[in-house]
Amino acid sequence: MSDFYDELPEGLRGGMRRWIESGIQPGHFLTAVLSNDLREACARADSENRFRLFDIVAWLYNRAPSACWGSPENVAEWPKRRLGL
C-alpha cells in the first residue's frame, strides 16, 4: 500500500506531511510552491525539484486540501486552521 505522499520527491515528503497535517511551515522552496510564487520556487529549487516542479504542483492540485496552498493568504491561514483558531 502506498503512502499519500509517495508521488512527491522524497526530499519533500516530510515537509509536505508536516505542513498538511500539522501546519508546520516548510522550507523556502516548498513555501514558494505553496504560495504560488513561481519565480521564487524556481530560484530556490534544487536540480531534482526544478525538474519535478510540474509534478509537485499537479500533486497539490489533485491530492492536497485546496485551503493549504494556492496563495500567500492560504499559506498564512493554514496553520491557524490546523490549530482550530
PDB file of N, CA and C in Angstrom:
ATOM      1  N   MET A   1       0.843  -1.178   0.000  1.00  0.00           N
ATOM      2  CA  MET A   1       0.000   0.000   0.000  1.00  0.00           C
ATOM      3  C   MET A   1       0.893   1.248   0.000  1.00  0.00           C
ATOM      4  N   SER A   2       0.602   2.177  -0.878  1.00  0.00           N
ATOM      5  CA  SER A   2       1.445   3.357  -0.966  1.00  0.00           C
ATOM      6  C   SER A   2       0.970   4.449  -0.005  1.00  0.00           C
ATOM      7  N   ASP A   3       1.895   5.276   0.365  1.00  0.00           N
ATOM      8  CA  ASP A   3       1.622   6.404   1.238  1.00  0.00           C
ATOM      9  C   ASP A   3       1.067   7.552   0.398  1.00  0.00           C
ATOM     10  N   PHE A   4       0.243   8.379   0.998  1.00  0.00           N
ATOM     11  CA  PHE A   4      -0.369   9.541   0.366  1.00  0.00           C
ATOM     12  C   PHE A   4       0.678  10.442  -0.280  1.00  0.00           C
ATOM     13  N   TYR A   5       1.856  10.507   0.279  1.00  0.00           N
ATOM     14  CA  TYR A   5       2.903  11.426  -0.163  1.00  0.00           C
ATOM     15  C   TYR A   5       3.925  10.789  -1.108  1.00  0.00           C
ATOM     16  N   ASP A   6       3.784   9.523  -1.442  1.00  0.00           N
ATOM     17  CA  ASP A   6       4.781   8.793  -2.228  1.00  0.00           C
ATOM     18  C   ASP A   6       5.045   9.365  -3.612  1.00  0.00           C
ATOM     19  N   GLU A   7       4.107  10.071  -4.196  1.00  0.00           N
ATOM     20  CA  GLU A   7       4.295  10.603  -5.544  1.00  0.00           C
ATOM     21  C   GLU A   7       5.170  11.859  -5.565  1.00  0.00           C
ATOM     22  N   LEU A   8       5.447  12.421  -4.406  1.00  0.00           N
ATOM     23  CA  LEU A   8       6.305  13.601  -4.302  1.00  0.00           C
ATOM     24  C   LEU A   8       7.771  13.189  -4.272  1.00  0.00           C
ATOM     25  N   PRO A   9       8.662  14.089  -4.660  1.00  0.00           N
ATOM     26  CA  PRO A   9      10.090  13.793  -4.479  1.00  0.00           C
ATOM     27  C   PRO A   9      10.355  13.473  -3.000  1.00  0.00           C
ATOM     28  N   GLU A  10      11.200  12.513  -2.766  1.00  0.00           N
ATOM     29  CA  GLU A  10      11.452  12.033  -1.404  1.00  0.00           C
ATOM     30  C   GLU A  10      11.818  13.156  -0.436  1.00  0.00           C
ATOM     31  N   GLY A  11      12.615  14.110  -0.890  1.00  0.00           N
ATOM     32  CA  GLY A  11      13.053  15.197  -0.024  1.00  0.00           C
ATOM     33  C   GLY A  11      11.951  16.150   0.397  1.00  0.00           C
ATOM     34  N   LEU A  12      10.798  16.104  -0.245  1.00  0.00           N
ATOM     35  CA  LEU A  12       9.683  16.989   0.100  1.00  0.00           C
ATOM     36  C   LEU A  12       8.606  16.314   0.944  1.00  0.00           C
ATOM     37  N   ARG A  13       8.639  15.011   1.020  1.00  0.00           N
ATOM     38  CA  ARG A  13       7.542  14.279   1.670  1.00  0.00           C
ATOM     39  C   ARG A  13       7.341  14.665   3.124  1.00  0.00           C
ATOM     40  N   GLY A  14       8.409  14.738   3.896  1.00  0.00           N
ATOM     41  CA  GLY A  14       8.282  15.079   5.311  1.00  0.00           C
ATOM     42  C   GLY A  14       7.754  16.476   5.513  1.00  0.00           C
ATOM     43  N   GLY A  15       8.296  17.430   4.753  1.00  0.00           N
ATOM     44  CA  GLY A  15       7.849  18.809   4.871  1.00  0.00           C
ATOM     45  C   GLY A  15       6.400  18.973   4.469  1.00  0.00           C
ATOM     46  N   MET A  16       5.988  18.280   3.397  1.00  0.00           N
ATOM     47  CA  MET A  16       4.599  18.370   2.952  1.00  0.00           C
ATOM     48  C   MET A  16       3.670  17.717   3.966  1.00  0.00           C
ATOM     49  N   ARG A  17       4.082  16.588   4.511  1.00  0.00           N
ATOM     50  CA  ARG A  17       3.268  15.913   5.532  1.00  0.00           C
ATOM     51  C   ARG A  17       3.093  16.827   6.751  1.00  0.00           C
ATOM     52  N   ARG A  18       4.183  17.403   7.241  1.00  0.00           N
ATOM     53  CA  ARG A  18       4.092  18.287   8.408  1.00  0.00           C
ATOM     54  C   ARG A  18       3.225  19.503   8.116  1.00  0.00           C
ATOM     55  N   TRP A  19       3.331  20.030   6.893  1.00  0.00           N
ATOM     56  CA  TRP A  19       2.537  21.191   6.515  1.00  0.00           C
ATOM     57  C   TRP A  19       1.039  20.853   6.485  1.00  0.00           C
ATOM     58  N   ILE A  20       0.691  19.812   5.760  1.00  0.00           N
ATOM     59  CA  ILE A  20      -0.727  19.472   5.603  1.00  0.00           C
ATOM     60  C   ILE A  20      -1.330  18.988   6.907  1.00  0.00           C
ATOM     61  N   GLU A  21      -0.631  18.120   7.613  1.00  0.00           N
ATOM     62  CA  GLU A  21      -1.222  17.501   8.800  1.00  0.00           C
ATOM     63  C   GLU A  21      -1.103  18.343  10.058  1.00  0.00           C
ATOM     64  N   SER A  22      -0.075  19.180  10.166  1.00  0.00           N
ATOM     65  CA  SER A  22       0.154  19.914  11.409  1.00  0.00           C
ATOM     66  C   SER A  22       0.307  21.422  11.228  1.00  0.00           C
ATOM     67  N   GLY A  23       0.369  21.898  10.001  1.00  0.00           N
ATOM     68  CA  GLY A  23       0.526  23.324   9.762  1.00  0.00           C
ATOM     69  C   GLY A  23       1.911  23.848  10.101  1.00  0.00           C
ATOM     70  N   ILE A  24       2.909  22.959  10.081  1.00  0.00           N
ATOM     71  CA  ILE A  24       4.285  23.363  10.369  1.00  0.00           C
ATOM     72  C   ILE A  24       4.904  23.897   9.085  1.00  0.00           C
ATOM     73  N   GLN A  25       5.388  25.129   9.139  1.00  0.00           N
ATOM     74  CA  GLN A  25       5.924  25.821   7.959  1.00  0.00           C
ATOM     75  C   GLN A  25       7.066  25.024   7.340  1.00  0.00           C
ATOM     76  N   PRO A  26       6.986  24.754   6.032  1.00  0.00           N
ATOM     77  CA  PRO A  26       8.071  24.039   5.350  1.00  0.00           C
ATOM     78  C   PRO A  26       9.207  24.985   4.978  1.00  0.00           C
ATOM     79  N   GLY A  27      10.177  24.461   4.274  1.00  0.00           N
ATOM     80  CA  GLY A  27      11.314  25.258   3.829  1.00  0.00           C
ATOM     81  C   GLY A  27      10.940  26.267   2.761  1.00  0.00           C
ATOM     82  N   HIS A  28      11.933  27.046   2.343  1.00  0.00           N
ATOM     83  CA  HIS A  28      11.688  28.155   1.422  1.00  0.00           C
ATOM     84  C   HIS A  28      11.136  27.705   0.069  1.00  0.00           C
ATOM     85  N   PHE A  29      11.695  26.648  -0.509  1.00  0.00           N
ATOM     86  CA  PHE A  29      11.206  26.181  -1.810  1.00  0.00           C
ATOM     87  C   PHE A  29       9.753  25.770  -1.723  1.00  0.00           C
ATOM     88  N   LEU A  30       9.434  24.910  -0.784  1.00  0.00           N
ATOM     89  CA  LEU A  30       8.067  24.411  -0.670  1.00  0.00           C
ATOM     90  C   LEU A  30       7.099  25.532  -0.309  1.00  0.00           C
ATOM     91  N   THR A  31       7.511  26.466   0.522  1.00  0.00           N
ATOM     92  CA  THR A  31       6.657  27.614   0.836  1.00  0.00           C
ATOM     93  C   THR A  31       6.376  28.426  -0.421  1.00  0.00           C
ATOM     94  N   ALA A  32       7.372  28.619  -1.270  1.00  0.00           N
ATOM     95  CA  ALA A  32       7.156  29.344  -2.524  1.00  0.00           C
ATOM     96  C   ALA A  32       6.170  28.603  -3.427  1.00  0.00           C
ATOM     97  N   VAL A  33       6.307  27.289  -3.524  1.00  0.00           N
ATOM     98  CA  VAL A  33       5.380  26.499  -4.339  1.00  0.00           C
ATOM     99  C   VAL A  33       3.971  26.618  -3.774  1.00  0.00           C
ATOM    100  N   LEU A  34       3.826  26.430  -2.472  1.00  0.00           N
ATOM    101  CA  LEU A  34       2.510  26.502  -1.841  1.00  0.00           C
ATOM    102  C   LEU A  34       1.876  27.874  -2.013  1.00  0.00           C
ATOM    103  N   SER A  35       2.705  28.913  -2.030  1.00  0.00           N
ATOM    104  CA  SER A  35       2.219  30.294  -2.153  1.00  0.00           C
ATOM    105  C   SER A  35       1.940  30.688  -3.599  1.00  0.00           C
ATOM    106  N   ASN A  36       2.219  29.782  -4.531  1.00  0.00           N
ATOM    107  CA  ASN A  36       2.017  30.046  -5.951  1.00  0.00           C
ATOM    108  C   ASN A  36       2.970  31.133  -6.459  1.00  0.00           C
ATOM    109  N   ASP A  37       4.186  31.103  -5.940  1.00  0.00           N
ATOM    110  CA  ASP A  37       5.215  32.070  -6.328  1.00  0.00           C
ATOM    111  C   ASP A  37       6.224  31.349  -7.224  1.00  0.00           C
ATOM    112  N   LEU A  38       5.939  31.311  -8.515  1.00  0.00           N
ATOM    113  CA  LEU A  38       6.766  30.567  -9.455  1.00  0.00           C
ATOM    114  C   LEU A  38       8.198  31.090  -9.511  1.00  0.00           C
ATOM    115  N   ARG A  39       8.349  32.385  -9.519  1.00  0.00           N
ATOM    116  CA  ARG A  39       9.694  32.971  -9.594  1.00  0.00           C
ATOM    117  C   ARG A  39      10.542  32.512  -8.413  1.00  0.00           C
ATOM    118  N   GLU A  40       9.994  32.609  -7.206  1.00  0.00           N
ATOM    119  CA  GLU A  40      10.742  32.219  -6.006  1.00  0.00           C
ATOM    120  C   GLU A  40      10.962  30.707  -5.966  1.00  0.00           C
ATOM    121  N   ALA A  41       9.963  29.935  -6.388  1.00  0.00           N
ATOM    122  CA  ALA A  41      10.119  28.480  -6.420  1.00  0.00           C
ATOM    123  C   ALA A  41      11.259  28.081  -7.357  1.00  0.00           C
ATOM    124  N   CYS A  42      11.311  28.690  -8.519  1.00  0.00           N
ATOM    125  CA  CYS A  42      12.390  28.380  -9.466  1.00  0.00           C
ATOM    126  C   CYS A  42      13.747  28.800  -8.914  1.00  0.00           C
ATOM    127  N   ALA A  43      13.789  29.930  -8.237  1.00  0.00           N
ATOM    128  CA  ALA A  43      15.052  30.419  -7.679  1.00  0.00           C
ATOM    129  C   ALA A  43      15.552  29.522  -6.555  1.00  0.00           C
ATOM    130  N   ARG A  44      14.651  28.892  -5.816  1.00  0.00           N
ATOM    131  CA  ARG A  44      15.036  28.102  -4.637  1.00  0.00           C
ATOM    132  C   ARG A  44      15.108  26.600  -4.897  1.00  0.00           C
ATOM    133  N   ALA A  45      14.680  26.160  -6.070  1.00  0.00           N
ATOM    134  CA  ALA A  45      14.637  24.726  -6.364  1.00  0.00           C
ATOM    135  C   ALA A  45      16.031  24.146  -6.550  1.00  0.00           C
ATOM    136  N   ASP A  46      16.231  22.946  -6.005  1.00  0.00           N
ATOM    137  CA  ASP A  46      17.435  22.200  -6.329  1.00  0.00           C
ATOM    138  C   ASP A  46      17.200  21.512  -7.679  1.00  0.00           C
ATOM    139  N   SER A  47      18.170  20.778  -8.169  1.00  0.00           N
ATOM    140  CA  SER A  47      18.052  20.197  -9.514  1.00  0.00           C
ATOM    141  C   SER A  47      16.881  19.223  -9.626  1.00  0.00           C
ATOM    142  N   GLU A  48      16.628  18.408  -8.615  1.00  0.00           N
ATOM    143  CA  GLU A  48      15.508  17.465  -8.692  1.00  0.00           C
ATOM    144  C   GLU A  48      14.174  18.195  -8.661  1.00  0.00           C
ATOM    145  N   ASN A  49      14.020  19.128  -7.727  1.00  0.00           N
ATOM    146  CA  ASN A  49      12.741  19.817  -7.615  1.00  0.00           C
ATOM    147  C   ASN A  49      12.474  20.730  -8.808  1.00  0.00           C
ATOM    148  N   ARG A  50      13.514  21.287  -9.420  1.00  0.00           N
ATOM    149  CA  ARG A  50      13.342  22.084 -10.637  1.00  0.00           C
ATOM    150  C   ARG A  50      12.772  21.195 -11.734  1.00  0.00           C
ATOM    151  N   PHE A  51      13.310  20.009 -11.851  1.00  0.00           N
ATOM    152  CA  PHE A  51      12.850  19.051 -12.855  1.00  0.00           C
ATOM    153  C   PHE A  51      11.432  18.566 -12.557  1.00  0.00           C
ATOM    154  N   ARG A  52      11.071  18.458 -11.274  1.00  0.00           N
ATOM    155  CA  ARG A  52       9.779  17.892 -10.852  1.00  0.00           C
ATOM    156  C   ARG A  52       8.723  18.934 -10.497  1.00  0.00           C
ATOM    157  N   LEU A  53       8.972  20.200 -10.761  1.00  0.00           N
ATOM    158  CA  LEU A  53       8.050  21.261 -10.342  1.00  0.00           C
ATOM    159  C   LEU A  53       6.629  21.036 -10.862  1.00  0.00           C
ATOM    160  N   PHE A  54       6.486  20.655 -12.118  1.00  0.00           N
ATOM    161  CA  PHE A  54       5.156  20.380 -12.664  1.00  0.00           C
ATOM    162  C   PHE A  54       4.475  19.262 -11.872  1.00  0.00           C
ATOM    163  N   ASP A  55       5.204  18.188 -11.576  1.00  0.00           N
ATOM    164  CA  ASP A  55       4.640  17.058 -10.826  1.00  0.00           C
ATOM    165  C   ASP A  55       4.211  17.474  -9.420  1.00  0.00           C
ATOM    166  N   ILE A  56       4.995  18.340  -8.794  1.00  0.00           N
ATOM    167  CA  ILE A  56       4.677  18.798  -7.438  1.00  0.00           C
ATOM    168  C   ILE A  56       3.377  19.588  -7.446  1.00  0.00           C
ATOM    169  N   VAL A  57       3.241  20.504  -8.404  1.00  0.00           N
ATOM    170  CA  VAL A  57       2.015  21.301  -8.493  1.00  0.00           C
ATOM    171  C   VAL A  57       0.833  20.415  -8.863  1.00  0.00           C
ATOM    172  N   ALA A  58       1.014  19.463  -9.755  1.00  0.00           N
ATOM    173  CA  ALA A  58      -0.062  18.536 -10.101  1.00  0.00           C
ATOM    174  C   ALA A  58      -0.496  17.731  -8.877  1.00  0.00           C
ATOM    175  N   TRP A  59       0.461  17.307  -8.050  1.00  0.00           N
ATOM    176  CA  TRP A  59       0.131  16.578  -6.827  1.00  0.00           C
ATOM    177  C   TRP A  59      -0.705  17.466  -5.900  1.00  0.00           C
ATOM    178  N   LEU A  60      -0.285  18.711  -5.729  1.00  0.00           N
ATOM    179  CA  LEU A  60      -1.051  19.632  -4.885  1.00  0.00           C
ATOM    180  C   LEU A  60      -2.474  19.774  -5.418  1.00  0.00           C
ATOM    181  N   TYR A  61      -2.608  19.992  -6.704  1.00  0.00           N
ATOM    182  CA  TYR A  61      -3.918  20.189  -7.317  1.00  0.00           C
ATOM    183  C   TYR A  61      -4.827  18.975  -7.125  1.00  0.00           C
ATOM    184  N   ASN A  62      -4.258  17.795  -7.277  1.00  0.00           N
ATOM    185  CA  ASN A  62      -5.056  16.564  -7.232  1.00  0.00           C
ATOM    186  C   ASN A  62      -5.204  15.937  -5.856  1.00  0.00           C
ATOM    187  N   ARG A  63      -4.290  16.232  -4.927  1.00  0.00           N
ATOM    188  CA  ARG A  63      -4.285  15.489  -3.668  1.00  0.00           C
ATOM    189  C   ARG A  63      -4.389  16.348  -2.417  1.00  0.00           C
ATOM    190  N   ALA A  64      -3.842  17.544  -2.430  1.00  0.00           N
ATOM    191  CA  ALA A  64      -3.751  18.357  -1.212  1.00  0.00           C
ATOM    192  C   ALA A  64      -5.043  19.148  -0.987  1.00  0.00           C
ATOM    193  N   PRO A  65      -5.360  19.443   0.261  1.00  0.00           N
ATOM    194  CA  PRO A  65      -6.513  20.306   0.543  1.00  0.00           C
ATOM    195  C   PRO A  65      -6.303  21.670  -0.122  1.00  0.00           C
ATOM    196  N   SER A  66      -7.299  22.146  -0.834  1.00  0.00           N
ATOM    197  CA  SER A  66      -7.144  23.403  -1.572  1.00  0.00           C
ATOM    198  C   SER A  66      -6.886  24.586  -0.646  1.00  0.00           C
ATOM    199  N   ALA A  67      -7.329  24.504   0.580  1.00  0.00           N
ATOM    200  CA  ALA A  67      -7.147  25.615   1.526  1.00  0.00           C
ATOM    201  C   ALA A  67      -5.707  25.750   2.014  1.00  0.00           C
ATOM    202  N   CYS A  68      -4.846  24.754   1.754  1.00  0.00           N
ATOM    203  CA  CYS A  68      -3.476  24.815   2.285  1.00  0.00           C
ATOM    204  C   CYS A  68      -2.469  25.363   1.299  1.00  0.00           C
ATOM    205  N   TRP A  69      -2.905  25.733   0.105  1.00  0.00           N
ATOM    206  CA  TRP A  69      -1.955  26.198  -0.903  1.00  0.00           C
ATOM    207  C   TRP A  69      -2.681  27.067  -1.925  1.00  0.00           C
ATOM    208  N   GLY A  70      -1.921  27.670  -2.854  1.00  0.00           N
ATOM    209  CA  GLY A  70      -2.508  28.410  -3.950  1.00  0.00           C
ATOM    210  C   GLY A  70      -2.341  29.912  -3.857  1.00  0.00           C
ATOM    211  N   SER A  71      -2.075  30.423  -2.665  1.00  0.00           N
ATOM    212  CA  SER A  71      -1.879  31.864  -2.494  1.00  0.00           C
ATOM    213  C   SER A  71      -1.137  32.117  -1.190  1.00  0.00           C
ATOM    214  N   PRO A  72      -0.492  33.270  -1.066  1.00  0.00           N
ATOM    215  CA  PRO A  72       0.153  33.603   0.209  1.00  0.00           C
ATOM    216  C   PRO A  72      -0.867  33.661   1.354  1.00  0.00           C
ATOM    217  N   GLU A  73      -2.084  34.083   1.056  1.00  0.00           N
ATOM    218  CA  GLU A  73      -3.119  34.156   2.093  1.00  0.00           C
ATOM    219  C   GLU A  73      -3.499  32.772   2.601  1.00  0.00           C
ATOM    220  N   ASN A  74      -3.660  31.816   1.699  1.00  0.00           N
ATOM    221  CA  ASN A  74      -3.963  30.444   2.123  1.00  0.00           C
ATOM    222  C   ASN A  74      -2.840  29.882   2.988  1.00  0.00           C
ATOM    223  N   VAL A  75      -1.603  30.149   2.578  1.00  0.00           N
ATOM    224  CA  VAL A  75      -0.453  29.650   3.340  1.00  0.00           C
ATOM    225  C   VAL A  75      -0.408  30.299   4.720  1.00  0.00           C
ATOM    226  N   ALA A  76      -0.741  31.565   4.816  1.00  0.00           N
ATOM    227  CA  ALA A  76      -0.740  32.249   6.116  1.00  0.00           C
ATOM    228  C   ALA A  76      -1.849  31.724   7.026  1.00  0.00           C
ATOM    229  N   GLU A  77      -2.973  31.334   6.457  1.00  0.00           N
ATOM    230  CA  GLU A  77      -4.121  30.894   7.251  1.00  0.00           C
ATOM    231  C   GLU A  77      -4.089  29.409   7.621  1.00  0.00           C
ATOM    232  N   TRP A  78      -3.396  28.594   6.842  1.00  0.00           N
ATOM    233  CA  TRP A  78      -3.427  27.143   7.063  1.00  0.00           C
ATOM    234  C   TRP A  78      -3.004  26.716   8.477  1.00  0.00           C
ATOM    235  N   PRO A  79      -1.913  27.235   9.027  1.00  0.00           N
ATOM    236  CA  PRO A  79      -1.551  26.819  10.392  1.00  0.00           C
ATOM    237  C   PRO A  79      -2.647  27.151  11.406  1.00  0.00           C
ATOM    238  N   LYS A  80      -3.337  28.265  11.233  1.00  0.00           N
ATOM    239  CA  LYS A  80      -4.437  28.622  12.134  1.00  0.00           C
ATOM    240  C   LYS A  80      -5.579  27.631  11.997  1.00  0.00           C
ATOM    241  N   ARG A  81      -5.884  27.214  10.781  1.00  0.00           N
ATOM    242  CA  ARG A  81      -6.939  26.220  10.557  1.00  0.00           C
ATOM    243  C   ARG A  81      -6.578  24.882  11.207  1.00  0.00           C
ATOM    244  N   ARG A  82      -5.309  24.488  11.089  1.00  0.00           N
ATOM    245  CA  ARG A  82      -4.872  23.199  11.658  1.00  0.00           C
ATOM    246  C   ARG A  82      -4.956  23.226  13.177  1.00  0.00           C
ATOM    247  N   LEU A  83      -4.767  24.413  13.768  1.00  0.00           N
ATOM    248  CA  LEU A  83      -4.832  24.550  15.220  1.00  0.00           C
ATOM    249  C   LEU A  83      -6.235  24.881  15.705  1.00  0.00           C
ATOM    250  N   GLY A  84      -7.167  25.049  14.759  1.00  0.00           N
ATOM    251  CA  GLY A  84      -8.546  25.355  15.120  1.00  0.00           C
ATOM    252  C   GLY A  84      -8.731  26.770  15.637  1.00  0.00           C
ATOM    253  N   LEU A  85      -7.905  27.703  15.204  1.00  0.00           N
ATOM    254  CA  LEU A  85      -8.010  29.102  15.648  1.00  0.00           C
ATOM    255  C   LEU A  85      -8.940  29.896  14.752  1.00  0.00           C
TER     256      LEU A  85
END
